[in-house]
Amino acid sequence: MILYLDASALVKRYIAEKGSDLVNSWIGEADMVVTSILTRVEVVTAIKLAQRMKIITPEHAQLAIRQFRAEWESYQRLPITESTVSRGDNLACEHGLRGYDATHLASLLFWQEAIGQPITLAAFDSQLLNAAMDEGLRTLP
């Protein structure tokens, strides 16, 4: 399985919360784990937000960010191009998605078309998952 993780899924690898066990299991089963380069900013931002909200301690945040950065190179990272942004623009209008969600979906669709194999999207954002299903993609959970 080729697994695309958006930030809502990938952050669960670094902060223990509902869905973390699922994400770790999916990553373990995947032949390839793919994400957009914008996920790097989103995950670190989510970790720091969890710290500010006192969901995790500052020490846990530092450890989570360190682990995430150490593992970053192990993920296949998709670039953001003008074509990606243009397609994201159309997807945002068609599905009512937020900017980064539309960009994730555009990145995934381009990658799937480029490699000619199905990609499964893992996300914990129902609007993004619904849009992905409307586009004919496999989704988790």
N, C-alpha and C. Protein backbone atom coordinates (compact mmCIF):
# COMPACT_ATOMS: atom_id res chain seq x y z
N MET A 1 0.84 -1.18 0.00
CA MET A 1 0.00 0.00 0.00
C MET A 1 0.89 1.25 0.00
N ILE A 2 0.52 2.20 -0.85
CA ILE A 2 1.15 3.51 -0.82
C ILE A 2 0.23 4.39 0.01
N LEU A 3 0.78 4.93 1.08
CA LEU A 3 0.01 5.68 2.07
C LEU A 3 0.38 7.15 2.04
N TYR A 4 -0.62 8.01 1.83
CA TYR A 4 -0.42 9.45 1.90
C TYR A 4 -0.99 9.92 3.24
N LEU A 5 -0.16 10.57 4.02
CA LEU A 5 -0.59 11.10 5.32
C LEU A 5 -0.67 12.62 5.25
N ASP A 6 -1.82 13.17 5.63
CA ASP A 6 -1.86 14.62 5.81
C ASP A 6 -1.40 14.89 7.24
N ALA A 7 -1.30 16.14 7.61
CA ALA A 7 -0.78 16.50 8.93
C ALA A 7 -1.67 15.99 10.07
N SER A 8 -2.99 15.97 9.85
CA SER A 8 -3.89 15.51 10.91
C SER A 8 -3.63 14.05 11.27
N ALA A 9 -3.13 13.29 10.33
CA ALA A 9 -2.77 11.89 10.60
C ALA A 9 -1.34 11.77 11.10
N LEU A 10 -0.40 12.43 10.42
CA LEU A 10 1.01 12.26 10.77
C LEU A 10 1.33 12.75 12.18
N VAL A 11 0.68 13.80 12.63
CA VAL A 11 0.97 14.32 13.97
C VAL A 11 0.66 13.27 15.05
N LYS A 12 -0.26 12.37 14.76
CA LYS A 12 -0.62 11.33 15.72
C LYS A 12 0.51 10.34 15.96
N ARG A 13 1.49 10.34 15.10
CA ARG A 13 2.68 9.50 15.32
C ARG A 13 3.56 10.09 16.42
N TYR A 14 3.45 11.38 16.63
CA TYR A 14 4.36 12.09 17.54
C TYR A 14 3.68 12.57 18.82
N ILE A 15 2.37 12.63 18.81
CA ILE A 15 1.61 12.97 20.01
C ILE A 15 0.59 11.85 20.22
N ALA A 16 0.65 11.18 21.34
CA ALA A 16 -0.28 10.09 21.62
C ALA A 16 -1.67 10.65 21.83
N GLU A 17 -2.58 10.26 20.96
CA GLU A 17 -3.98 10.68 21.06
C GLU A 17 -4.82 9.66 20.33
N LYS A 18 -6.12 9.85 20.35
CA LYS A 18 -7.02 8.92 19.67
C LYS A 18 -6.60 8.83 18.20
N GLY A 19 -6.39 7.61 17.74
CA GLY A 19 -5.98 7.37 16.37
C GLY A 19 -4.49 7.12 16.20
N SER A 20 -3.70 7.37 17.24
CA SER A 20 -2.25 7.17 17.13
C SER A 20 -1.89 5.72 16.81
N ASP A 21 -2.54 4.77 17.47
CA ASP A 21 -2.25 3.36 17.21
C ASP A 21 -2.57 3.00 15.76
N LEU A 22 -3.68 3.54 15.24
CA LEU A 22 -4.04 3.28 13.84
C LEU A 22 -2.96 3.81 12.89
N VAL A 23 -2.55 5.05 13.10
CA VAL A 23 -1.55 5.67 12.23
C VAL A 23 -0.26 4.86 12.25
N ASN A 24 0.20 4.50 13.42
CA ASN A 24 1.44 3.71 13.51
C ASN A 24 1.29 2.36 12.82
N SER A 25 0.13 1.75 12.93
CA SER A 25 -0.13 0.48 12.26
C SER A 25 -0.12 0.66 10.74
N TRP A 26 -0.78 1.71 10.24
CA TRP A 26 -0.82 1.96 8.80
C TRP A 26 0.59 2.22 8.26
N ILE A 27 1.36 3.00 8.99
CA ILE A 27 2.73 3.27 8.56
C ILE A 27 3.53 1.97 8.49
N GLY A 28 3.36 1.12 9.50
CA GLY A 28 4.06 -0.16 9.51
C GLY A 28 3.68 -1.08 8.36
N GLU A 29 2.44 -0.99 7.90
CA GLU A 29 1.95 -1.84 6.81
C GLU A 29 2.26 -1.27 5.43
N ALA A 30 2.57 0.01 5.35
CA ALA A 30 2.74 0.68 4.07
C ALA A 30 4.04 0.29 3.38
N ASP A 31 3.99 0.19 2.07
CA ASP A 31 5.19 -0.01 1.26
C ASP A 31 5.92 1.32 1.09
N MET A 32 5.17 2.39 1.08
CA MET A 32 5.72 3.74 0.93
C MET A 32 4.80 4.70 1.68
N VAL A 33 5.41 5.66 2.38
CA VAL A 33 4.65 6.71 3.06
C VAL A 33 4.98 8.03 2.38
N VAL A 34 3.93 8.72 1.95
CA VAL A 34 4.06 9.94 1.17
C VAL A 34 3.33 11.07 1.88
N THR A 35 3.86 12.28 1.73
CA THR A 35 3.19 13.47 2.23
C THR A 35 3.68 14.67 1.43
N SER A 36 3.04 15.77 1.61
CA SER A 36 3.45 17.01 0.96
C SER A 36 4.52 17.68 1.81
N ILE A 37 5.39 18.47 1.18
CA ILE A 37 6.40 19.17 1.95
C ILE A 37 5.77 20.15 2.94
N LEU A 38 4.56 20.61 2.68
CA LEU A 38 3.93 21.54 3.62
C LEU A 38 3.57 20.88 4.94
N THR A 39 3.53 19.55 4.96
CA THR A 39 3.23 18.82 6.19
C THR A 39 4.26 19.09 7.27
N ARG A 40 5.49 19.37 6.86
CA ARG A 40 6.55 19.63 7.85
C ARG A 40 6.17 20.80 8.75
N VAL A 41 5.70 21.87 8.17
CA VAL A 41 5.29 23.04 8.96
C VAL A 41 4.05 22.72 9.77
N GLU A 42 3.09 22.04 9.16
CA GLU A 42 1.84 21.74 9.85
C GLU A 42 2.04 20.88 11.09
N VAL A 43 2.89 19.86 10.99
CA VAL A 43 3.10 18.96 12.13
C VAL A 43 3.80 19.68 13.28
N VAL A 44 4.85 20.43 12.98
CA VAL A 44 5.54 21.17 14.04
C VAL A 44 4.60 22.18 14.68
N THR A 45 3.79 22.85 13.87
CA THR A 45 2.81 23.80 14.40
C THR A 45 1.81 23.11 15.32
N ALA A 46 1.35 21.93 14.92
CA ALA A 46 0.38 21.19 15.75
C ALA A 46 1.00 20.75 17.07
N ILE A 47 2.26 20.34 17.03
CA ILE A 47 2.94 19.94 18.26
C ILE A 47 3.07 21.13 19.20
N LYS A 48 3.49 22.27 18.66
CA LYS A 48 3.64 23.47 19.50
C LYS A 48 2.28 23.95 20.03
N LEU A 49 1.23 23.80 19.25
CA LEU A 49 -0.12 24.16 19.73
C LEU A 49 -0.52 23.25 20.89
N ALA A 50 -0.23 21.97 20.77
CA ALA A 50 -0.54 21.04 21.87
C ALA A 50 0.22 21.45 23.14
N GLN A 51 1.43 21.93 22.97
CA GLN A 51 2.19 22.41 24.12
C GLN A 51 1.53 23.66 24.73
N ARG A 52 1.17 24.62 23.89
CA ARG A 52 0.55 25.85 24.40
C ARG A 52 -0.78 25.57 25.09
N MET A 53 -1.49 24.56 24.61
CA MET A 53 -2.77 24.19 25.22
C MET A 53 -2.59 23.29 26.44
N LYS A 54 -1.32 23.00 26.75
CA LYS A 54 -0.96 22.16 27.90
C LYS A 54 -1.46 20.72 27.79
N ILE A 55 -1.60 20.27 26.54
CA ILE A 55 -1.93 18.87 26.27
C ILE A 55 -0.68 18.02 26.46
N ILE A 56 0.46 18.60 26.11
CA ILE A 56 1.75 17.95 26.32
C ILE A 56 2.69 18.95 26.99
N THR A 57 3.70 18.43 27.62
CA THR A 57 4.67 19.28 28.31
C THR A 57 5.67 19.87 27.29
N PRO A 58 6.37 20.93 27.67
CA PRO A 58 7.41 21.45 26.78
C PRO A 58 8.46 20.40 26.43
N GLU A 59 8.79 19.56 27.39
CA GLU A 59 9.78 18.50 27.14
C GLU A 59 9.25 17.50 26.10
N HIS A 60 7.98 17.13 26.24
CA HIS A 60 7.37 16.21 25.28
C HIS A 60 7.34 16.85 23.89
N ALA A 61 7.03 18.13 23.82
CA ALA A 61 7.01 18.84 22.54
C ALA A 61 8.39 18.80 21.88
N GLN A 62 9.42 19.08 22.66
CA GLN A 62 10.79 19.06 22.12
C GLN A 62 11.15 17.67 21.61
N LEU A 63 10.81 16.65 22.38
CA LEU A 63 11.08 15.27 21.99
C LEU A 63 10.30 14.91 20.72
N ALA A 64 9.03 15.29 20.66
CA ALA A 64 8.20 14.98 19.49
C ALA A 64 8.74 15.65 18.23
N ILE A 65 9.13 16.91 18.35
CA ILE A 65 9.69 17.63 17.20
C ILE A 65 11.01 17.01 16.77
N ARG A 66 11.83 16.64 17.72
CA ARG A 66 13.12 16.01 17.40
C ARG A 66 12.89 14.68 16.67
N GLN A 67 11.95 13.88 17.16
CA GLN A 67 11.66 12.60 16.52
C GLN A 67 11.09 12.83 15.12
N PHE A 68 10.16 13.77 14.98
CA PHE A 68 9.58 14.06 13.69
C PHE A 68 10.66 14.49 12.68
N ARG A 69 11.51 15.40 13.09
CA ARG A 69 12.57 15.87 12.19
C ARG A 69 13.54 14.75 11.82
N ALA A 70 13.80 13.84 12.75
CA ALA A 70 14.69 12.71 12.47
C ALA A 70 14.07 11.75 11.45
N GLU A 71 12.75 11.62 11.48
CA GLU A 71 12.07 10.69 10.58
C GLU A 71 11.65 11.34 9.26
N TRP A 72 11.70 12.66 9.17
CA TRP A 72 11.20 13.39 8.01
C TRP A 72 11.77 12.85 6.69
N GLU A 73 13.05 12.56 6.65
CA GLU A 73 13.69 12.08 5.42
C GLU A 73 13.19 10.70 5.00
N SER A 74 12.58 9.95 5.91
CA SER A 74 12.09 8.61 5.55
C SER A 74 10.78 8.66 4.77
N TYR A 75 10.12 9.81 4.76
CA TYR A 75 8.87 9.96 4.02
C TYR A 75 9.16 10.46 2.61
N GLN A 76 8.39 9.96 1.66
CA GLN A 76 8.46 10.50 0.30
C GLN A 76 7.76 11.86 0.36
N ARG A 77 8.47 12.92 0.01
CA ARG A 77 7.94 14.28 0.16
C ARG A 77 7.62 14.87 -1.20
N LEU A 78 6.38 15.29 -1.38
CA LEU A 78 5.95 15.82 -2.66
C LEU A 78 6.09 17.34 -2.68
N PRO A 79 6.63 17.88 -3.78
CA PRO A 79 6.80 19.32 -3.87
C PRO A 79 5.48 20.03 -4.16
N ILE A 80 5.48 21.31 -3.90
CA ILE A 80 4.34 22.16 -4.24
C ILE A 80 4.77 22.97 -5.47
N THR A 81 4.03 22.84 -6.54
CA THR A 81 4.33 23.57 -7.76
C THR A 81 3.15 24.47 -8.11
N GLU A 82 3.34 25.28 -9.12
CA GLU A 82 2.24 26.12 -9.60
C GLU A 82 1.06 25.25 -10.04
N SER A 83 1.35 24.10 -10.65
CA SER A 83 0.28 23.18 -11.06
C SER A 83 -0.47 22.62 -9.86
N THR A 84 0.27 22.31 -8.80
CA THR A 84 -0.37 21.82 -7.58
C THR A 84 -1.30 22.88 -7.00
N VAL A 85 -0.81 24.11 -6.93
CA VAL A 85 -1.61 25.19 -6.37
C VAL A 85 -2.85 25.46 -7.24
N SER A 86 -2.68 25.42 -8.55
CA SER A 86 -3.80 25.63 -9.45
C SER A 86 -4.87 24.54 -9.28
N ARG A 87 -4.40 23.30 -9.20
CA ARG A 87 -5.35 22.21 -9.00
C ARG A 87 -6.00 22.31 -7.62
N GLY A 88 -5.22 22.70 -6.63
CA GLY A 88 -5.78 22.90 -5.29
C GLY A 88 -6.85 23.98 -5.29
N ASP A 89 -6.63 25.03 -6.04
CA ASP A 89 -7.61 26.11 -6.20
C ASP A 89 -8.94 25.52 -6.69
N ASN A 90 -8.86 24.70 -7.74
CA ASN A 90 -10.08 24.10 -8.28
C ASN A 90 -10.74 23.15 -7.29
N LEU A 91 -9.93 22.37 -6.60
CA LEU A 91 -10.48 21.43 -5.61
C LEU A 91 -11.12 22.17 -4.44
N ALA A 92 -10.52 23.28 -4.03
CA ALA A 92 -11.09 24.07 -2.94
C ALA A 92 -12.47 24.58 -3.34
N CYS A 93 -12.60 25.07 -4.56
CA CYS A 93 -13.90 25.56 -5.03
C CYS A 93 -14.91 24.42 -5.16
N GLU A 94 -14.47 23.30 -5.71
CA GLU A 94 -15.38 22.18 -5.95
C GLU A 94 -15.87 21.52 -4.67
N HIS A 95 -14.97 21.39 -3.69
CA HIS A 95 -15.31 20.64 -2.47
C HIS A 95 -15.42 21.50 -1.22
N GLY A 96 -15.18 22.81 -1.34
CA GLY A 96 -15.24 23.69 -0.17
C GLY A 96 -14.15 23.42 0.84
N LEU A 97 -12.97 23.04 0.36
CA LEU A 97 -11.85 22.70 1.25
C LEU A 97 -11.08 23.93 1.70
N ARG A 98 -10.42 23.81 2.86
CA ARG A 98 -9.46 24.82 3.29
C ARG A 98 -8.22 24.71 2.41
N GLY A 99 -7.39 25.75 2.44
CA GLY A 99 -6.24 25.84 1.54
C GLY A 99 -5.29 24.66 1.60
N TYR A 100 -4.81 24.33 2.80
CA TYR A 100 -3.84 23.24 2.90
C TYR A 100 -4.48 21.90 2.57
N ASP A 101 -5.74 21.71 2.93
CA ASP A 101 -6.42 20.46 2.60
C ASP A 101 -6.53 20.30 1.09
N ALA A 102 -6.88 21.38 0.39
CA ALA A 102 -6.98 21.33 -1.07
C ALA A 102 -5.60 21.05 -1.68
N THR A 103 -4.57 21.61 -1.09
CA THR A 103 -3.21 21.39 -1.58
C THR A 103 -2.77 19.94 -1.35
N HIS A 104 -3.10 19.38 -0.19
CA HIS A 104 -2.81 17.96 0.06
C HIS A 104 -3.51 17.09 -0.98
N LEU A 105 -4.78 17.35 -1.22
CA LEU A 105 -5.53 16.54 -2.17
C LEU A 105 -4.96 16.67 -3.57
N ALA A 106 -4.61 17.87 -3.97
CA ALA A 106 -4.00 18.08 -5.29
C ALA A 106 -2.68 17.33 -5.40
N SER A 107 -1.85 17.41 -4.37
CA SER A 107 -0.56 16.71 -4.37
C SER A 107 -0.76 15.21 -4.52
N LEU A 108 -1.68 14.67 -3.75
CA LEU A 108 -1.96 13.23 -3.80
C LEU A 108 -2.44 12.83 -5.19
N LEU A 109 -3.37 13.59 -5.76
CA LEU A 109 -3.90 13.25 -7.08
C LEU A 109 -2.82 13.30 -8.15
N PHE A 110 -1.97 14.32 -8.13
CA PHE A 110 -0.86 14.39 -9.09
C PHE A 110 0.07 13.19 -8.94
N TRP A 111 0.40 12.83 -7.69
CA TRP A 111 1.32 11.72 -7.46
C TRP A 111 0.71 10.41 -7.95
N GLN A 112 -0.56 10.20 -7.66
CA GLN A 112 -1.24 8.98 -8.10
C GLN A 112 -1.23 8.89 -9.63
N GLU A 113 -1.50 10.00 -10.29
CA GLU A 113 -1.48 10.01 -11.76
C GLU A 113 -0.07 9.76 -12.29
N ALA A 114 0.93 10.31 -11.63
CA ALA A 114 2.32 10.17 -12.09
C ALA A 114 2.82 8.74 -11.98
N ILE A 115 2.46 8.05 -10.90
CA ILE A 115 2.98 6.70 -10.71
C ILE A 115 2.03 5.62 -11.24
N GLY A 116 0.79 5.98 -11.50
CA GLY A 116 -0.16 5.03 -12.05
C GLY A 116 -0.57 3.92 -11.11
N GLN A 117 -0.50 4.20 -9.81
CA GLN A 117 -0.91 3.23 -8.79
C GLN A 117 -1.84 3.90 -7.80
N PRO A 118 -2.73 3.13 -7.20
CA PRO A 118 -3.63 3.73 -6.20
C PRO A 118 -2.88 4.15 -4.94
N ILE A 119 -3.29 5.27 -4.40
CA ILE A 119 -2.74 5.78 -3.15
C ILE A 119 -3.88 5.90 -2.16
N THR A 120 -3.62 5.54 -0.93
CA THR A 120 -4.61 5.63 0.14
C THR A 120 -4.31 6.86 0.98
N LEU A 121 -5.32 7.70 1.16
CA LEU A 121 -5.19 8.88 2.00
C LEU A 121 -5.58 8.55 3.42
N ALA A 122 -4.70 8.85 4.37
CA ALA A 122 -5.03 8.77 5.79
C ALA A 122 -5.13 10.19 6.31
N ALA A 123 -6.28 10.52 6.88
CA ALA A 123 -6.52 11.85 7.43
C ALA A 123 -7.58 11.74 8.51
N PHE A 124 -7.61 12.71 9.39
CA PHE A 124 -8.64 12.76 10.43
C PHE A 124 -9.44 14.06 10.29
N ASP A 125 -9.67 14.43 9.07
CA ASP A 125 -10.46 15.60 8.71
C ASP A 125 -11.56 15.11 7.79
N SER A 126 -12.80 15.12 8.27
CA SER A 126 -13.90 14.52 7.52
C SER A 126 -14.15 15.23 6.19
N GLN A 127 -13.97 16.53 6.14
CA GLN A 127 -14.19 17.25 4.90
C GLN A 127 -13.18 16.82 3.83
N LEU A 128 -11.92 16.69 4.22
CA LEU A 128 -10.89 16.23 3.29
C LEU A 128 -11.16 14.79 2.86
N LEU A 129 -11.52 13.93 3.81
CA LEU A 129 -11.81 12.53 3.48
C LEU A 129 -12.98 12.43 2.51
N ASN A 130 -14.03 13.21 2.73
CA ASN A 130 -15.18 13.18 1.83
C ASN A 130 -14.81 13.65 0.43
N ALA A 131 -14.00 14.70 0.35
CA ALA A 131 -13.55 15.19 -0.96
C ALA A 131 -12.72 14.12 -1.66
N ALA A 132 -11.84 13.46 -0.91
CA ALA A 132 -11.00 12.41 -1.49
C ALA A 132 -11.86 11.26 -2.01
N MET A 133 -12.87 10.87 -1.27
CA MET A 133 -13.76 9.81 -1.73
C MET A 133 -14.51 10.25 -2.99
N ASP A 134 -14.95 11.51 -3.02
CA ASP A 134 -15.61 12.04 -4.22
C ASP A 134 -14.68 11.99 -5.43
N GLU A 135 -13.38 12.11 -5.19
CA GLU A 135 -12.39 12.04 -6.27
C GLU A 135 -11.99 10.61 -6.59
N GLY A 136 -12.61 9.63 -5.92
CA GLY A 136 -12.36 8.23 -6.21
C GLY A 136 -11.18 7.61 -5.50
N LEU A 137 -10.70 8.28 -4.45
CA LEU A 137 -9.53 7.78 -3.72
C LEU A 137 -9.92 6.83 -2.60
N ARG A 138 -8.98 5.98 -2.24
CA ARG A 138 -9.12 5.14 -1.04
C ARG A 138 -8.79 6.01 0.16
N THR A 139 -9.47 5.78 1.26
CA THR A 139 -9.23 6.59 2.45
C THR A 139 -9.17 5.74 3.71
N LEU A 140 -8.49 6.27 4.70
CA LEU A 140 -8.43 5.71 6.05
C LEU A 140 -8.66 6.86 7.02
N PRO A 141 -9.26 6.72 8.12
CA PRO A 141 -9.95 5.52 8.58
C PRO A 141 -11.30 5.35 7.88
